[in-house]
Amino acid sequence: MPPHRRAPHATDPRKSLRPDPPSSRDEGAEQDRPRASAVDAAVRAYLRHLKLDENCSPETIRAYGSDLGEFAAFLEREIGGTRGADLRKVDRLAIRAFLAQLHARQAKRSTIARKLAALRSFFRYLKRNRRISTNPALGVATPKQERKLPRQLSVDEVDHLLEMPDDSEALGARDRAILELLYATGVRVSELTALDFEDLDLSEGMMRVRGKGRKERMVPVGSKAVDAVRKYLRRRAELEPRPGKGGDALFLNFRGTRLNVRSVRRLLNHALEAAAIARRVSPHTLRHSFATHLLDAGADLRSIQELLGHASLSTTQKYTHVSTERLLKTYGKAHPRA
C-alpha cells in the first residue's frame, strides 16, 4: 500500500467507504487518519488475479502494481475527496488527464504507452467482473512511439568483452559462462538467472528457457558457451550451494544462493570497464547483438523470433532496421558514386 493511502478504520472497515461525518472536535484528527480506498482494494484484487490466474511473472506484477498505484494516487487527488474515488465515475477524460500529467512531467512515450496498457487491462478485468459497465481506457489512443533502434555491440567488441573475466577462479568462471550464454542464446537476463541444472543439456548443446508468461522454449547453445559453462561447473562447488536457498540454480552468488538480475548487471559493468568499452551497455544489449549478428549472417526473421521468444514477428522486425541502416552506411562509405 503506498504511504499516502488511507488504511481502514481499526474497528469497522466499512467506515472507509461510508464514513460518519466527523465532529468539529475530531475533524482535524479524522482528516489525518489513513484510510484504504476502493481503488486500492480493486488494484490488489487485480494483482492477485495476475499472479494466480494469469501466471504472470513477478516483474510484470511489480510493473503493473507501480503503474496502477500511480493512477490510484492521481484519482484520489483529482476526484477522490473524503469518500475516495469511485471507479464507476472514471471516464476517458480522467484517463486522458492522467496521461497529460505524465506528458507534462516529460515521461517517455513508451512509459505513457505502458501505463495506458496497464489501465486497459485493469479496467477490462473490472468490466469482466461487473465492477464497471464500460472500459474507459479503450477510447484513449496510444501515443505514437518514437522509433528507437536497439543498441548492439560489434562482433569484435563482443569477442573482447567475453575475454575479460578471469576464469581461473570460481567467480570469474561463472562470470565468463554468464556472458557467453547471454550472447550465445540471446536470452533475457531474468531468464538466465532463473535457469536450473536440469534446464541445460550440454551434451546436446540445448537449453530450456522459461520466458514471459512462463512459456517455455528450447534454444541451442554454441560450443564456446558450452565449454565456458562446463568450466564453471567444475568450480561451482567452491561457491558452497545452500540447500533450499537456490541450490538447484545454475548460477550462484558468493553466498551460495541464486544469482539475481542486479548482480548480472554489476558483473557486466566490471567486464565493460576492463574492456574499455565506454558506451552504455546492458545485458539486453547482448540480446540485441545476438539477434543483429544472426540477421547479418543470413538467418531468417522467423527463426530469430523463435530463438528470442517474441510472441509477435513485428517485435523482431526492429532488427531489420538496424541491419538496413548499417548496410546504407557501408554503401555510403564504399561506393564511388554514393
Protein backbone atom coordinates (compact mmCIF):
# COMPACT_ATOMS: atom_id res chain seq x y z
CA MET A 1 0.00 0.00 0.00
CA PRO A 2 1.57 3.37 -0.99
CA PRO A 3 2.39 5.58 2.01
CA HIS A 4 -0.15 8.28 1.11
CA ARG A 5 -3.00 5.76 1.05
CA ARG A 6 -5.60 5.70 3.81
CA ALA A 7 -5.95 2.44 5.79
CA PRO A 8 -9.32 1.07 7.08
CA HIS A 9 -10.66 2.11 10.47
CA ALA A 10 -9.36 -0.27 13.13
CA THR A 11 -12.82 -1.41 14.33
CA ASP A 12 -15.02 -1.27 11.25
CA PRO A 13 -13.51 -1.49 7.71
CA ARG A 14 -16.82 -0.31 6.20
CA LYS A 15 -16.23 3.13 7.65
CA SER A 16 -13.61 3.76 4.97
CA LEU A 17 -16.40 3.51 2.39
CA ARG A 18 -19.24 5.22 4.34
CA PRO A 19 -17.57 7.38 6.98
CA ASP A 20 -19.66 9.20 9.57
CA PRO A 21 -19.29 12.97 9.46
CA PRO A 22 -16.58 13.89 11.96
CA SER A 23 -17.39 16.16 14.84
CA SER A 24 -15.79 19.58 14.84
CA ARG A 25 -13.60 18.45 17.75
CA ASP A 26 -12.25 15.42 15.83
CA GLU A 27 -12.26 16.92 12.34
CA GLY A 28 -8.52 17.55 12.21
CA ALA A 29 -7.68 14.08 13.51
CA GLU A 30 -10.15 12.47 11.09
CA GLN A 31 -8.53 14.20 8.12
CA ASP A 32 -5.11 12.91 9.13
CA ARG A 33 -6.25 9.34 9.86
CA PRO A 34 -5.21 6.98 6.98
CA ARG A 35 -7.97 5.01 5.23
CA ALA A 36 -7.91 2.46 2.42
CA SER A 37 -9.60 3.40 -0.87
CA ALA A 38 -11.84 1.25 -3.01
CA VAL A 39 -9.38 1.81 -5.87
CA ASP A 40 -6.53 0.32 -3.82
CA ALA A 41 -8.64 -2.72 -3.00
CA ALA A 42 -9.51 -3.22 -6.67
CA VAL A 43 -5.84 -2.91 -7.66
CA ARG A 44 -4.82 -5.51 -5.06
CA ALA A 45 -7.52 -7.90 -6.32
CA TYR A 46 -6.32 -7.41 -9.89
CA LEU A 47 -2.70 -8.09 -8.98
CA ARG A 48 -3.77 -11.31 -7.23
CA HIS A 49 -5.60 -12.24 -10.43
CA LEU A 50 -2.43 -11.68 -12.47
CA LYS A 51 -0.45 -13.90 -10.12
CA LEU A 52 -2.93 -16.73 -9.55
CA ASP A 53 -4.98 -16.82 -12.76
CA GLU A 54 -2.73 -15.32 -15.43
CA ASN A 55 0.51 -16.78 -14.03
CA CYS A 56 2.35 -13.52 -14.71
CA SER A 57 5.97 -13.10 -13.71
CA PRO A 58 6.88 -11.17 -10.53
CA GLU A 59 8.45 -8.46 -12.72
CA THR A 60 5.17 -7.97 -14.64
CA ILE A 61 3.15 -7.84 -11.43
CA ARG A 62 5.52 -5.28 -9.90
CA ALA A 63 5.35 -3.10 -13.02
CA TYR A 64 1.54 -3.21 -13.17
CA GLY A 65 1.32 -2.53 -9.43
CA SER A 66 3.54 0.54 -9.77
CA ASP A 67 1.62 1.92 -12.76
CA LEU A 68 -1.81 1.32 -11.22
CA GLY A 69 -0.69 2.69 -7.87
CA GLU A 70 0.33 5.92 -9.58
CA PHE A 71 -3.07 6.11 -11.29
CA ALA A 72 -4.86 5.43 -7.98
CA ALA A 73 -2.97 8.29 -6.34
CA PHE A 74 -3.96 10.57 -9.23
CA LEU A 75 -7.64 9.62 -8.82
CA GLU A 76 -7.56 10.30 -5.09
CA ARG A 77 -6.12 13.76 -5.69
CA GLU A 78 -8.40 14.70 -8.58
CA ILE A 79 -11.78 13.10 -7.89
CA GLY A 80 -11.43 11.31 -4.55
CA GLY A 81 -12.40 13.77 -1.86
CA THR A 82 -13.17 12.45 1.61
CA ARG A 83 -15.01 9.33 0.40
CA GLY A 84 -12.38 8.08 -2.01
CA ALA A 85 -12.52 7.73 -5.78
CA ASP A 86 -15.40 5.80 -7.37
CA LEU A 87 -14.16 3.58 -10.21
CA ARG A 88 -17.58 3.79 -11.87
CA LYS A 89 -17.04 7.51 -12.36
CA VAL A 90 -13.69 7.11 -14.15
CA ASP A 91 -14.12 8.06 -17.80
CA ARG A 92 -11.93 8.79 -20.82
CA LEU A 93 -11.39 12.36 -19.67
CA ALA A 94 -9.94 11.18 -16.35
CA ILE A 95 -7.54 8.82 -18.10
CA ARG A 96 -6.52 11.48 -20.62
CA ALA A 97 -5.90 13.90 -17.74
CA PHE A 98 -3.65 11.29 -16.11
CA LEU A 99 -1.70 10.81 -19.35
CA ALA A 100 -1.47 14.57 -19.81
CA GLN A 101 0.06 14.85 -16.36
CA LEU A 102 2.66 12.24 -17.32
CA HIS A 103 3.41 14.15 -20.51
CA ALA A 104 3.81 17.39 -18.55
CA ARG A 105 6.39 15.62 -16.40
CA GLN A 106 8.21 14.75 -19.65
CA ALA A 107 7.66 10.99 -19.30
CA LYS A 108 8.78 9.00 -22.31
CA ARG A 109 6.15 7.99 -24.84
CA SER A 110 7.00 4.35 -24.21
CA THR A 111 6.36 4.88 -20.48
CA ILE A 112 3.00 6.53 -21.16
CA ALA A 113 2.04 3.72 -23.55
CA ARG A 114 2.96 1.08 -20.93
CA LYS A 115 0.86 2.76 -18.25
CA LEU A 116 -2.08 3.04 -20.66
CA ALA A 117 -1.77 -0.68 -21.46
CA ALA A 118 -1.88 -1.44 -17.72
CA LEU A 119 -5.04 0.68 -17.35
CA ARG A 120 -6.73 -1.07 -20.27
CA SER A 121 -6.01 -4.46 -18.77
CA PHE A 122 -7.13 -3.34 -15.29
CA PHE A 123 -10.44 -1.92 -16.48
CA ARG A 124 -11.03 -4.96 -18.69
CA TYR A 125 -10.71 -7.09 -15.55
CA LEU A 126 -13.17 -4.83 -13.68
CA LYS A 127 -15.69 -4.96 -16.53
CA ARG A 128 -15.42 -8.77 -16.75
CA ASN A 129 -16.17 -8.91 -13.02
CA ARG A 130 -19.08 -6.44 -13.41
CA ARG A 131 -17.48 -3.78 -11.26
CA ILE A 132 -17.91 -1.27 -14.10
CA SER A 133 -20.14 -1.22 -17.20
CA THR A 134 -17.63 0.02 -19.78
CA ASN A 135 -13.86 0.11 -20.17
CA PRO A 136 -12.97 3.83 -20.24
CA ALA A 137 -9.41 3.17 -21.41
CA LEU A 138 -10.47 1.64 -24.72
CA GLY A 139 -11.27 5.01 -26.27
CA VAL A 140 -7.90 6.55 -25.45
CA ALA A 141 -5.32 6.47 -28.24
CA THR A 142 -1.84 5.10 -27.57
CA PRO A 143 0.87 7.75 -28.06
CA LYS A 144 2.79 7.29 -31.28
CA GLN A 145 6.12 5.71 -30.44
CA GLU A 146 9.41 7.17 -31.49
CA ARG A 147 11.35 4.51 -33.37
CA LYS A 148 14.48 3.72 -31.41
CA LEU A 149 16.93 1.34 -32.95
CA PRO A 150 18.30 -1.17 -30.45
CA ARG A 151 21.90 -0.68 -29.37
CA GLN A 152 24.30 -3.50 -30.11
CA LEU A 153 27.99 -4.28 -29.96
CA SER A 154 30.13 -5.24 -32.92
CA VAL A 155 31.37 -8.82 -33.20
CA ASP A 156 34.90 -7.66 -32.26
CA GLU A 157 33.59 -5.80 -29.21
CA VAL A 158 31.68 -8.87 -28.06
CA ASP A 159 34.74 -11.08 -28.50
CA HIS A 160 36.85 -8.66 -26.47
CA LEU A 161 34.21 -8.34 -23.74
CA LEU A 162 33.82 -12.10 -23.30
CA GLU A 163 37.56 -12.48 -22.73
CA MET A 164 37.58 -10.13 -19.73
CA PRO A 165 36.52 -12.39 -16.80
CA ASP A 166 39.38 -14.36 -15.22
CA ASP A 167 38.06 -17.92 -15.41
CA SER A 168 40.93 -19.35 -13.33
CA GLU A 169 38.79 -18.95 -10.19
CA ALA A 170 35.16 -19.78 -9.42
CA LEU A 171 33.53 -16.33 -9.68
CA GLY A 172 35.46 -15.46 -12.82
CA ALA A 173 34.49 -18.78 -14.42
CA ARG A 174 30.88 -18.05 -13.51
CA ASP A 175 31.02 -14.55 -15.00
CA ARG A 176 32.57 -15.86 -18.22
CA ALA A 177 29.87 -18.54 -18.51
CA ILE A 178 27.12 -15.95 -17.94
CA LEU A 179 28.39 -13.58 -20.62
CA GLU A 180 28.94 -16.43 -23.07
CA LEU A 181 25.39 -17.73 -22.51
CA LEU A 182 23.79 -14.29 -22.83
CA TYR A 183 25.41 -13.76 -26.22
CA ALA A 184 25.19 -17.37 -27.45
CA THR A 185 21.46 -17.75 -26.75
CA GLY A 186 20.02 -14.22 -26.71
CA VAL A 187 18.08 -14.93 -23.50
CA ARG A 188 16.77 -12.17 -21.27
CA VAL A 189 18.76 -11.66 -18.08
CA SER A 190 15.73 -12.70 -15.98
CA GLU A 191 15.53 -15.92 -17.99
CA LEU A 192 19.20 -16.60 -17.38
CA THR A 193 19.03 -16.12 -13.60
CA ALA A 194 16.02 -18.47 -13.47
CA LEU A 195 17.98 -21.36 -15.04
CA ASP A 196 18.35 -24.59 -13.06
CA PHE A 197 20.72 -27.51 -13.62
CA GLU A 198 18.01 -29.54 -15.32
CA ASP A 199 17.45 -26.83 -17.95
CA LEU A 200 20.78 -27.49 -19.70
CA ASP A 201 21.73 -30.45 -21.85
CA LEU A 202 25.36 -29.70 -22.56
CA SER A 203 25.95 -32.94 -24.47
CA GLU A 204 23.28 -31.90 -26.99
CA GLY A 205 24.03 -28.18 -26.78
CA MET A 206 20.43 -27.26 -25.89
CA MET A 207 18.84 -25.18 -23.15
CA ARG A 208 15.27 -24.88 -21.89
CA VAL A 209 14.20 -21.30 -21.23
CA ARG A 210 11.13 -20.09 -19.33
CA GLY A 211 10.13 -16.81 -20.93
CA LYS A 212 7.38 -14.24 -20.47
CA GLY A 213 4.08 -15.72 -19.39
CA ARG A 214 6.03 -18.80 -18.23
CA LYS A 215 6.18 -20.01 -21.82
CA GLU A 216 8.98 -22.50 -22.43
CA ARG A 217 11.22 -22.67 -25.48
CA MET A 218 14.32 -24.64 -26.43
CA VAL A 219 17.36 -22.74 -27.69
CA PRO A 220 20.70 -24.03 -28.99
CA VAL A 221 23.90 -23.26 -27.09
CA GLY A 222 27.13 -22.67 -29.03
CA SER A 223 30.26 -24.71 -28.39
CA LYS A 224 32.20 -21.84 -26.76
CA ALA A 225 29.35 -21.21 -24.32
CA VAL A 226 29.13 -24.95 -23.57
CA ASP A 227 32.87 -25.01 -22.81
CA ALA A 228 32.55 -21.96 -20.53
CA VAL A 229 29.62 -23.48 -18.62
CA ARG A 230 31.48 -26.77 -18.17
CA LYS A 231 34.50 -24.94 -16.81
CA TYR A 232 32.28 -23.04 -14.37
CA LEU A 233 30.51 -26.22 -13.22
CA ARG A 234 33.86 -27.75 -12.29
CA ARG A 235 34.40 -24.83 -9.89
CA ARG A 236 30.77 -24.29 -8.81
CA ALA A 237 31.14 -26.32 -5.59
CA GLU A 238 33.58 -23.67 -4.35
CA LEU A 239 30.60 -21.30 -4.04
CA GLU A 240 29.09 -23.69 -1.46
CA PRO A 241 25.49 -24.11 -2.73
CA ARG A 242 22.98 -23.88 0.12
CA PRO A 243 20.15 -26.48 0.10
CA GLY A 244 16.74 -24.85 -0.05
CA LYS A 245 18.32 -21.49 -0.91
CA GLY A 246 18.56 -21.93 -4.67
CA GLY A 247 20.81 -24.99 -4.56
CA ASP A 248 19.38 -26.16 -7.90
CA ALA A 249 20.16 -22.81 -9.52
CA LEU A 250 22.70 -22.91 -12.31
CA PHE A 251 24.34 -19.62 -11.35
CA LEU A 252 25.15 -18.84 -7.71
CA ASN A 253 26.42 -15.77 -5.89
CA PHE A 254 29.29 -15.84 -3.41
CA ARG A 255 26.81 -16.72 -0.63
CA GLY A 256 25.82 -19.92 -2.41
CA THR A 257 22.30 -18.73 -3.32
CA ARG A 258 20.72 -17.97 -6.70
CA LEU A 259 22.27 -15.07 -8.57
CA ASN A 260 19.89 -12.16 -9.21
CA VAL A 261 19.45 -9.77 -12.14
CA ARG A 262 21.19 -6.89 -10.39
CA SER A 263 24.32 -8.98 -9.86
CA VAL A 264 24.46 -9.85 -13.56
CA ARG A 265 24.31 -6.15 -14.45
CA ARG A 266 27.09 -5.47 -11.98
CA LEU A 267 29.41 -8.17 -13.34
CA LEU A 268 28.76 -6.95 -16.88
CA ASN A 269 29.76 -3.42 -15.84
CA HIS A 270 33.03 -4.76 -14.45
CA ALA A 271 33.73 -6.56 -17.73
CA LEU A 272 32.89 -3.42 -19.74
CA GLU A 273 35.28 -1.37 -17.64
CA ALA A 274 38.04 -3.94 -18.10
CA ALA A 275 37.38 -3.99 -21.86
CA ALA A 276 37.45 -0.16 -22.02
CA ILE A 277 34.02 -0.06 -23.70
CA ALA A 278 32.69 3.35 -22.72
CA ARG A 279 29.27 3.12 -24.37
CA ARG A 280 26.12 2.43 -22.37
CA VAL A 281 25.65 -1.35 -22.44
CA SER A 282 23.20 -3.56 -20.53
CA PRO A 283 22.61 -7.34 -20.52
CA HIS A 284 19.83 -6.65 -23.04
CA THR A 285 22.45 -5.18 -25.39
CA LEU A 286 23.93 -8.67 -25.71
CA ARG A 287 20.47 -9.93 -26.66
CA HIS A 288 20.22 -7.21 -29.33
CA SER A 289 23.72 -8.07 -30.54
CA PHE A 290 22.81 -11.76 -30.75
CA ALA A 291 19.80 -11.03 -32.97
CA THR A 292 21.52 -8.44 -35.16
CA HIS A 293 24.59 -10.60 -35.79
CA LEU A 294 22.38 -13.56 -36.73
CA LEU A 295 20.43 -11.41 -39.16
CA ASP A 296 23.63 -10.01 -40.67
CA ALA A 297 24.85 -13.57 -41.20
CA GLY A 298 21.72 -14.52 -43.14
CA ALA A 299 19.40 -16.04 -40.50
CA ASP A 300 15.70 -15.67 -41.32
CA LEU A 301 13.49 -13.46 -39.19
CA ARG A 302 11.09 -16.22 -38.16
CA SER A 303 13.90 -18.32 -36.69
CA ILE A 304 15.24 -15.32 -34.76
CA GLN A 305 11.73 -14.69 -33.44
CA GLU A 306 11.56 -18.23 -32.05
CA LEU A 307 15.03 -18.01 -30.51
CA LEU A 308 14.20 -14.71 -28.79
CA GLY A 309 10.79 -15.90 -27.61
CA HIS A 310 8.92 -13.00 -29.21
CA ALA A 311 5.16 -13.52 -29.39
CA SER A 312 4.89 -11.29 -32.47
CA LEU A 313 7.09 -11.13 -35.53
CA SER A 314 6.67 -7.34 -35.57
CA THR A 315 8.74 -7.16 -32.37
CA THR A 316 11.59 -8.98 -34.10
CA GLN A 317 11.40 -6.81 -37.22
CA LYS A 318 13.13 -3.91 -35.46
CA TYR A 319 16.42 -5.72 -36.08
CA THR A 320 15.91 -5.42 -39.84
CA HIS A 321 16.11 -1.63 -39.42
CA VAL A 322 19.47 -1.99 -37.69
CA SER A 323 20.89 -4.13 -40.48
CA THR A 324 19.45 -1.88 -43.19
CA GLU A 325 20.92 1.21 -41.56
CA ARG A 326 24.33 -0.44 -41.33
CA LEU A 327 24.08 -1.51 -44.96
CA LEU A 328 23.30 2.05 -46.06
CA LYS A 329 26.26 3.43 -44.09
CA THR A 330 28.57 0.87 -45.64
CA TYR A 331 27.25 1.70 -49.11
CA GLY A 332 27.70 5.41 -48.49
CA LYS A 333 31.33 4.94 -47.45
CA ALA A 334 32.36 2.36 -50.04
CA HIS A 335 30.52 3.12 -53.29
CA PRO A 336 32.34 5.64 -55.51
CA ARG A 337 29.10 7.29 -56.63
CA ALA A 338 27.10 7.01 -53.43
